[in-house]
Protein backbone atom coordinates (compact mmCIF):
# COMPACT_ATOMS: atom_id res chain seq x y z
CA MET A 1 34.14 -14.03 -2.26
CA ASP A 2 31.12 -14.16 -4.57
CA LEU A 3 28.02 -12.24 -3.69
CA SER A 4 24.63 -13.16 -5.06
CA LEU A 5 21.22 -11.59 -4.75
CA ASP A 6 18.78 -13.89 -3.02
CA ARG A 7 15.22 -12.65 -3.47
CA PRO A 8 12.50 -14.27 -1.40
CA GLU A 9 9.78 -15.98 -3.39
CA GLY A 10 6.24 -16.91 -2.47
CA TYR A 11 5.39 -13.85 -0.39
CA LEU A 12 5.41 -10.07 -0.55
CA TYR A 13 8.39 -8.57 1.22
CA VAL A 14 9.78 -5.18 2.21
CA ARG A 15 12.94 -4.25 0.35
CA ARG A 16 13.59 -0.79 1.76
CA VAL A 17 12.25 1.52 4.46
CA GLY A 18 12.73 5.25 4.09
CA GLU A 19 11.52 8.22 6.07
CA HIS A 20 8.70 8.95 3.60
CA GLY A 21 8.06 5.62 1.92
CA ILE A 22 8.46 1.86 1.96
CA THR A 23 9.48 -0.22 -1.04
CA LEU A 24 7.70 -3.55 -1.48
CA ILE A 25 9.73 -5.71 -3.85
CA ASP A 26 10.13 -3.01 -6.54
CA ARG A 27 7.29 -0.56 -5.81
CA GLU A 28 7.45 2.36 -3.38
CA LEU A 29 4.37 3.19 -1.29
CA THR A 30 4.10 6.63 0.33
CA GLU A 31 0.71 6.27 2.04
CA SER A 32 -0.20 4.07 5.01
CA PHE A 33 -0.93 0.46 4.05
CA LEU A 34 -1.49 -3.06 5.34
CA LEU A 35 0.76 -5.91 4.27
CA ALA A 36 0.14 -9.65 4.41
CA PRO A 37 2.28 -12.30 2.74
CA ASP A 38 -0.24 -12.66 -0.08
CA ARG A 39 -1.61 -9.11 -0.52
CA VAL A 40 -1.30 -5.39 0.06
CA VAL A 41 -4.18 -3.16 1.16
CA GLU A 42 -3.22 0.30 -0.02
CA ARG A 43 -4.43 3.65 1.30
CA TRP A 44 -5.13 2.46 4.85
CA PRO A 45 -6.80 5.62 6.23
CA VAL A 46 -4.48 6.07 9.23
CA HIS A 47 -2.08 8.99 9.56
CA ALA A 48 -0.97 8.71 13.19
CA ALA A 49 -0.93 6.01 15.87
CA GLY A 50 -2.91 8.29 18.16
CA THR A 51 -5.92 8.12 15.83
CA LEU A 52 -6.21 4.32 15.96
CA ASP A 53 -9.26 3.01 17.80
CA GLU A 54 -11.40 -0.12 18.02
CA GLY A 55 -12.83 0.58 14.55
CA HIS A 56 -9.43 0.06 12.94
CA VAL A 57 -9.02 -3.38 14.46
CA ASN A 58 -11.40 -5.07 12.01
CA ALA A 59 -9.45 -3.98 8.92
CA LEU A 60 -6.42 -5.83 10.27
CA LEU A 61 -8.37 -8.85 11.52
CA GLU A 62 -10.04 -9.30 8.10
CA LEU A 63 -6.62 -10.41 6.84
CA GLN A 64 -6.74 -13.29 9.37
CA PRO A 65 -3.35 -12.76 11.04
CA GLU A 66 -1.80 -14.92 13.69
CA LEU A 67 0.22 -11.85 14.69
CA VAL A 68 -0.09 -8.12 13.89
CA LEU A 69 2.89 -5.79 13.62
CA LEU A 70 2.19 -2.07 13.77
CA GLY A 71 4.81 0.23 12.30
CA THR A 72 4.14 3.73 13.62
CA GLY A 73 6.53 5.75 11.45
CA VAL A 74 10.11 6.74 12.20
CA ARG A 75 9.48 6.41 15.93
CA GLN A 76 7.61 3.92 18.07
CA VAL A 77 4.32 5.41 19.29
CA PHE A 78 1.81 3.33 21.23
CA PRO A 79 -1.86 3.60 20.21
CA ALA A 80 -4.77 3.80 22.63
CA ALA A 81 -5.39 0.87 24.94
CA ALA A 82 -8.80 0.25 23.33
CA PHE A 83 -7.09 -0.46 20.00
CA MET A 84 -4.63 -2.90 21.55
CA ALA A 85 -7.39 -4.62 23.56
CA GLY A 86 -9.34 -5.33 20.37
CA PHE A 87 -6.66 -7.81 19.32
CA LEU A 88 -6.22 -9.34 22.74
CA ARG A 89 -9.97 -10.07 22.92
CA LYS A 90 -9.66 -12.05 19.67
CA GLY A 91 -6.52 -13.90 20.80
CA VAL A 92 -4.28 -12.21 18.22
CA GLY A 93 -0.91 -10.87 19.33
CA ILE A 94 0.13 -7.33 18.42
CA GLU A 95 3.55 -5.69 18.56
CA VAL A 96 4.16 -1.96 18.12
CA MET A 97 7.47 -0.68 16.72
CA ASP A 98 8.90 1.85 14.31
CA ASN A 99 8.52 1.12 10.57
CA ALA A 100 12.06 -0.16 10.08
CA ALA A 101 11.77 -2.68 12.92
CA ALA A 102 8.29 -3.73 11.78
CA ALA A 103 9.60 -4.34 8.25
CA ARG A 104 12.52 -6.47 9.46
CA THR A 105 10.26 -8.49 11.74
CA TYR A 106 7.61 -8.90 9.04
CA ASN A 107 10.19 -10.17 6.50
CA LEU A 108 11.57 -12.67 8.99
CA LEU A 109 8.17 -14.06 10.01
CA ALA A 110 6.72 -14.10 6.48
CA GLY A 111 9.87 -15.88 5.30
CA GLU A 112 9.19 -18.56 7.92
CA GLY A 113 5.71 -19.08 6.45
CA ARG A 114 3.87 -17.37 9.30
CA HIS A 115 0.69 -15.45 8.50
CA VAL A 116 1.78 -12.11 9.86
CA VAL A 117 0.07 -8.83 8.98
CA ALA A 118 1.84 -5.50 9.23
CA GLY A 119 0.24 -2.07 9.30
CA PHE A 120 2.61 0.71 8.26
CA ILE A 121 1.79 4.34 9.07
CA LEU A 122 3.29 6.74 6.52
CA GLY A 123 2.92 10.35 5.62
CA VAL A 124 3.33 11.81 9.09
CA ALA A 125 5.97 14.22 10.30
CA PRO A 126 8.47 12.77 12.78
C-alpha cells in the first residue's frame, strides 16, 4: 500500500493540536488566536472562556462567519450566556468544544468551502 501526503490547498488549516500550542500548516502558535480560512488574527486577548463577554463577540463577527467554533483549551468550558447570545442575536451559530475537537471541525468545514471562524484559547492551565 502506498501512502501519500495530501495537504489541503486554498485555506489555512490546523495540522496539530498540543496542550500548549496549535500548529497551523507549519507554524506553531502558543497564544490565543482567531482562525478563518483566509487569515489568522494572532494574540486574541482571551486567556479563559470565563472572561468572554459581549465585547469579544465583535472581534469574531468582523471576520464574517457563517458559524463560529470556540476552542476553550484542553477541556470544554462554556462561556457566559451573554457571550453566546451575542451570536444568536446576529443569526450566527456558535459551537463550544475543546481545542482538538474545534480544530477537527474547523478543518472539515473549511475544506468544504464554508466560511467558518474558530477562536482558540491557549496559554491557560488545564
